């Protein structure tokens, strides 16, 4: 199995090509850190971009939603989709307005999704969604009922036509701006966990939530 995604005419990074990333390990690290993707698709000429949760398992991206969802119905029919994930790592402040930017990591995935139809496949995918948020959470909660499973559509998008784009480092500065008495540099941006807010009707004796389980925030 290749360790990188071969660039295609649709995924080759052309604008600042040195920021293009095709290494699978780097791409998957971005996907595994994120929580929300945006799914782009068109229905009868009308484009839509819908944010939704996701999980990655090996070389596929898993997406789920209500069986009544237009997005899920259209994707189930095998239409072409574009799915993106973006992480913002910092604000890049230059001494010129033009060179302001952001440090970021983004992934673009193209292809056609496949409907997961068997109960076993759907359950395994839903377990992946749950544990993507909190590792081990699936083992603590009630699994979906037959009715809940029936009302949920689960799709997999094979990760075959994929590329990432990454910007990091300080701002670009024109030489003539270097003597301008204006602060310039990078302001890092990081997500952090807040204090858990328990429901009032928890069963007596339930242990407090261990925030260390949210491994991506360590």
Protein backbone atom coordinates (compact mmCIF):
# COMPACT_ATOMS: atom_id res chain seq x y z
CA UNK A 1 0.00 0.00 0.00
CA UNK A 2 1.32 3.44 -0.95
CA UNK A 3 2.33 5.80 1.84
CA UNK A 4 1.05 8.84 -0.09
CA UNK A 5 -1.88 9.97 -2.20
CA UNK A 6 -0.94 10.39 -5.87
CA UNK A 7 -1.89 13.96 -6.86
CA UNK A 8 -4.60 14.13 -9.50
CA UNK A 9 -5.84 16.92 -11.72
CA UNK A 10 -8.42 17.66 -9.05
CA UNK A 11 -6.25 17.44 -5.94
CA UNK A 12 -2.90 18.84 -7.06
CA UNK A 13 -2.14 21.94 -4.98
CA UNK A 14 -1.39 24.66 -7.52
CA UNK A 15 -1.54 27.85 -5.47
CA UNK A 16 1.74 27.84 -3.44
CA UNK A 17 2.45 24.19 -4.31
CA UNK A 18 5.13 23.80 -1.62
CA UNK A 19 2.30 23.82 0.95
CA UNK A 20 0.76 20.72 -0.59
CA UNK A 21 0.87 17.55 1.52
CA UNK A 22 0.14 14.09 0.12
CA UNK A 23 1.72 11.90 2.79
CA UNK A 24 -0.98 9.67 4.29
CA UNK A 25 0.37 9.84 7.83
CA UNK A 26 0.27 13.65 7.80
CA UNK A 27 -3.18 13.76 6.19
CA UNK A 28 -4.62 11.25 8.63
CA UNK A 29 -3.15 13.13 11.60
CA UNK A 30 -5.11 16.21 10.52
CA UNK A 31 -8.32 14.21 10.11
CA UNK A 32 -7.88 12.50 13.46
CA UNK A 33 -7.48 15.85 15.24
CA UNK A 34 -10.61 17.41 13.77
CA UNK A 35 -14.26 16.95 14.68
CA UNK A 36 -16.26 18.67 11.95
CA UNK A 37 -16.09 18.29 8.18
CA UNK A 38 -17.94 20.22 5.48
CA UNK A 39 -19.63 18.17 2.76
CA UNK A 40 -20.07 19.87 -0.60
CA UNK A 41 -22.51 18.50 -3.17
CA UNK A 42 -24.94 19.72 -5.82
CA UNK A 43 -28.61 18.82 -6.39
CA UNK A 44 -30.20 19.89 -9.67
CA UNK A 45 -27.57 22.57 -10.13
CA UNK A 46 -27.91 23.98 -6.61
CA UNK A 47 -24.70 23.65 -4.55
CA UNK A 48 -24.81 22.92 -0.82
CA UNK A 49 -22.08 22.79 1.82
CA UNK A 50 -23.17 21.10 5.05
CA UNK A 51 -21.11 20.83 8.27
CA UNK A 52 -21.28 17.49 10.04
CA UNK A 53 -19.33 15.23 12.37
CA UNK A 54 -17.12 12.45 11.08
CA UNK A 55 -14.67 9.74 12.02
CA UNK A 56 -11.83 8.09 10.16
CA UNK A 57 -11.20 4.36 10.03
CA UNK A 58 -8.14 3.29 8.04
CA UNK A 59 -8.55 4.53 4.45
CA UNK A 60 -12.14 5.70 4.74
CA UNK A 61 -14.06 8.62 6.18
CA UNK A 62 -17.32 7.83 7.97
CA UNK A 63 -20.31 10.19 7.95
CA UNK A 64 -23.71 9.63 9.51
CA UNK A 65 -27.02 11.42 9.79
CA UNK A 66 -30.78 11.10 9.77
CA UNK A 67 -32.22 8.80 7.14
CA UNK A 68 -34.49 11.75 6.24
CA UNK A 69 -31.52 14.03 5.51
CA UNK A 70 -31.29 15.32 1.94
CA UNK A 71 -27.51 15.19 2.11
CA UNK A 72 -27.52 11.55 3.20
CA UNK A 73 -30.10 10.58 0.57
CA UNK A 74 -28.15 12.26 -2.23
CA UNK A 75 -24.82 10.84 -1.12
CA UNK A 76 -26.36 7.38 -0.83
CA UNK A 77 -27.25 7.63 -4.52
CA UNK A 78 -23.55 7.90 -5.37
CA UNK A 79 -23.18 11.55 -6.38
CA UNK A 80 -19.75 13.18 -6.48
CA UNK A 81 -18.90 14.99 -3.25
CA UNK A 82 -16.13 17.19 -1.92
CA UNK A 83 -15.43 16.88 1.81
CA UNK A 84 -13.09 19.23 3.65
CA UNK A 85 -11.60 19.51 7.14
CA UNK A 86 -9.73 22.59 8.37
CA UNK A 87 -7.78 23.24 11.57
CA UNK A 88 -6.65 26.79 12.38
CA UNK A 89 -3.39 26.93 14.33
CA UNK A 90 -2.72 30.65 14.56
CA UNK A 91 -3.28 34.20 13.35
CA UNK A 92 -0.41 35.50 11.24
CA UNK A 93 -0.06 39.27 11.72
CA UNK A 94 2.06 41.22 9.27
CA UNK A 95 3.08 44.86 9.16
CA UNK A 96 1.01 45.12 5.97
CA UNK A 97 -2.69 44.35 5.59
CA UNK A 98 -2.01 42.32 2.44
CA UNK A 99 0.26 39.79 4.14
CA UNK A 100 -2.02 38.97 7.06
CA UNK A 101 -2.81 35.25 7.04
CA UNK A 102 -3.49 32.19 9.18
CA UNK A 103 -1.47 29.13 9.98
CA UNK A 104 -3.70 26.18 9.15
CA UNK A 105 -3.92 22.53 8.15
CA UNK A 106 -6.64 21.51 5.71
CA UNK A 107 -7.67 18.37 3.83
CA UNK A 108 -9.75 18.03 0.67
CA UNK A 109 -11.33 14.65 -0.14
CA UNK A 110 -13.15 13.85 -3.41
CA UNK A 111 -15.18 10.84 -4.46
CA UNK A 112 -18.43 8.94 -4.11
CA UNK A 113 -19.69 7.59 -0.78
CA UNK A 114 -20.94 4.07 -0.17
CA UNK A 115 -23.99 3.27 1.94
CA UNK A 116 -23.33 0.92 4.86
CA UNK A 117 -26.32 -1.37 4.94
CA UNK A 118 -25.57 -4.23 7.33
CA UNK A 119 -26.27 -3.83 11.03
CA UNK A 120 -22.73 -4.92 11.87
CA UNK A 121 -21.17 -2.29 9.60
CA UNK A 122 -23.39 0.46 10.93
CA UNK A 123 -22.73 -0.47 14.55
CA UNK A 124 -18.97 -0.51 13.99
CA UNK A 125 -19.16 2.91 12.35
CA UNK A 126 -21.29 4.39 15.14
CA UNK A 127 -18.79 3.04 17.66
CA UNK A 128 -16.05 4.84 15.74
CA UNK A 129 -18.02 8.11 15.83
CA UNK A 130 -18.57 7.84 19.58
CA UNK A 131 -14.98 6.95 20.42
CA UNK A 132 -13.66 9.67 18.10
CA UNK A 133 -15.01 12.20 20.61
CA UNK A 134 -14.04 10.35 23.80
CA UNK A 135 -11.92 7.19 23.55
CA UNK A 136 -13.68 4.26 25.21
CA UNK A 137 -17.04 6.04 25.50
CA UNK A 138 -18.91 3.38 23.47
CA UNK A 139 -18.31 0.79 26.18
CA UNK A 140 -20.06 3.01 28.78
CA UNK A 141 -23.25 4.00 26.99
CA UNK A 142 -26.39 2.28 25.72
CA UNK A 143 -25.90 1.16 22.12
CA UNK A 144 -28.42 2.32 19.48
CA UNK A 145 -31.76 0.56 19.52
CA UNK A 146 -33.15 -1.16 16.43
CA UNK A 147 -35.36 1.86 15.73
CA UNK A 148 -32.50 4.32 16.21
CA UNK A 149 -30.30 2.28 13.90
CA UNK A 150 -33.04 2.16 11.27
CA UNK A 151 -33.41 5.94 11.39
CA UNK A 152 -29.68 6.54 10.91
CA UNK A 153 -27.85 6.51 7.59
CA UNK A 154 -24.14 5.75 7.65
CA UNK A 155 -21.83 6.34 4.70
CA UNK A 156 -18.18 5.70 3.99
CA UNK A 157 -16.07 7.77 1.64
CA UNK A 158 -13.00 5.86 0.40
CA UNK A 159 -9.93 8.03 0.87
CA UNK A 160 -8.32 7.71 -2.56
CA UNK A 161 -8.36 11.20 -4.11
CA UNK A 162 -7.05 13.36 -1.29
CA UNK A 163 -4.64 16.20 -0.63
CA UNK A 164 -3.79 18.49 2.25
CA UNK A 165 -2.49 22.03 2.40
CA UNK A 166 -0.53 23.39 5.34
CA UNK A 167 0.73 26.85 6.22
CA UNK A 168 2.99 27.45 9.20
CA UNK A 169 5.60 29.96 10.26
CA UNK A 170 5.85 33.74 10.47
CA UNK A 171 4.30 36.30 8.13
CA UNK A 172 5.74 37.24 4.78
CA UNK A 173 7.05 40.80 4.97
CA UNK A 174 8.04 43.26 2.25
CA UNK A 175 11.44 44.81 2.92
CA UNK A 176 10.00 48.30 2.92
CA UNK A 177 7.68 47.41 5.84
CA UNK A 178 10.38 46.13 8.20
CA UNK A 179 11.00 49.53 9.75
CA UNK A 180 7.32 50.18 10.38
CA UNK A 181 6.67 50.46 14.18
CA UNK A 182 3.92 47.82 14.17
CA UNK A 183 3.88 44.48 15.99
CA UNK A 184 4.19 41.47 13.69
CA UNK A 185 4.32 37.73 14.33
CA UNK A 186 2.10 34.78 15.08
CA UNK A 187 -0.65 34.46 17.68
CA UNK A 188 -1.07 30.70 18.35
CA UNK A 189 -4.65 29.43 18.48
CA UNK A 190 -5.45 26.27 20.43
CA UNK A 191 -8.62 24.53 21.57
CA UNK A 192 -8.97 23.64 25.23
CA UNK A 193 -11.47 21.85 27.41
CA UNK A 194 -13.68 23.71 29.83
CA UNK A 195 -15.01 22.47 33.16
CA UNK A 196 -17.54 19.64 32.64
CA UNK A 197 -21.14 20.57 33.51
CA UNK A 198 -22.91 17.43 34.81
CA UNK A 199 -26.64 16.90 34.54
CA UNK A 200 -28.54 17.25 37.81
CA UNK A 201 -30.11 13.79 37.58
CA UNK A 202 -26.97 11.65 37.41
CA UNK A 203 -27.16 8.38 39.28
CA UNK A 204 -25.65 8.71 42.74
CA UNK A 205 -22.05 7.60 42.89
CA UNK A 206 -21.24 8.19 39.22
CA UNK A 207 -17.57 9.12 38.88
CA UNK A 208 -16.57 12.51 37.56
CA UNK A 209 -15.63 12.68 33.91
CA UNK A 210 -11.89 12.15 33.44
CA UNK A 211 -10.74 14.89 31.07
CA UNK A 212 -7.51 13.00 30.39
CA UNK A 213 -9.55 10.75 28.11
CA UNK A 214 -9.80 13.61 25.63
CA UNK A 215 -6.36 12.68 24.38
CA UNK A 216 -6.12 15.33 21.67
CA UNK A 217 -6.18 18.10 24.27
CA UNK A 218 -3.15 16.96 26.24
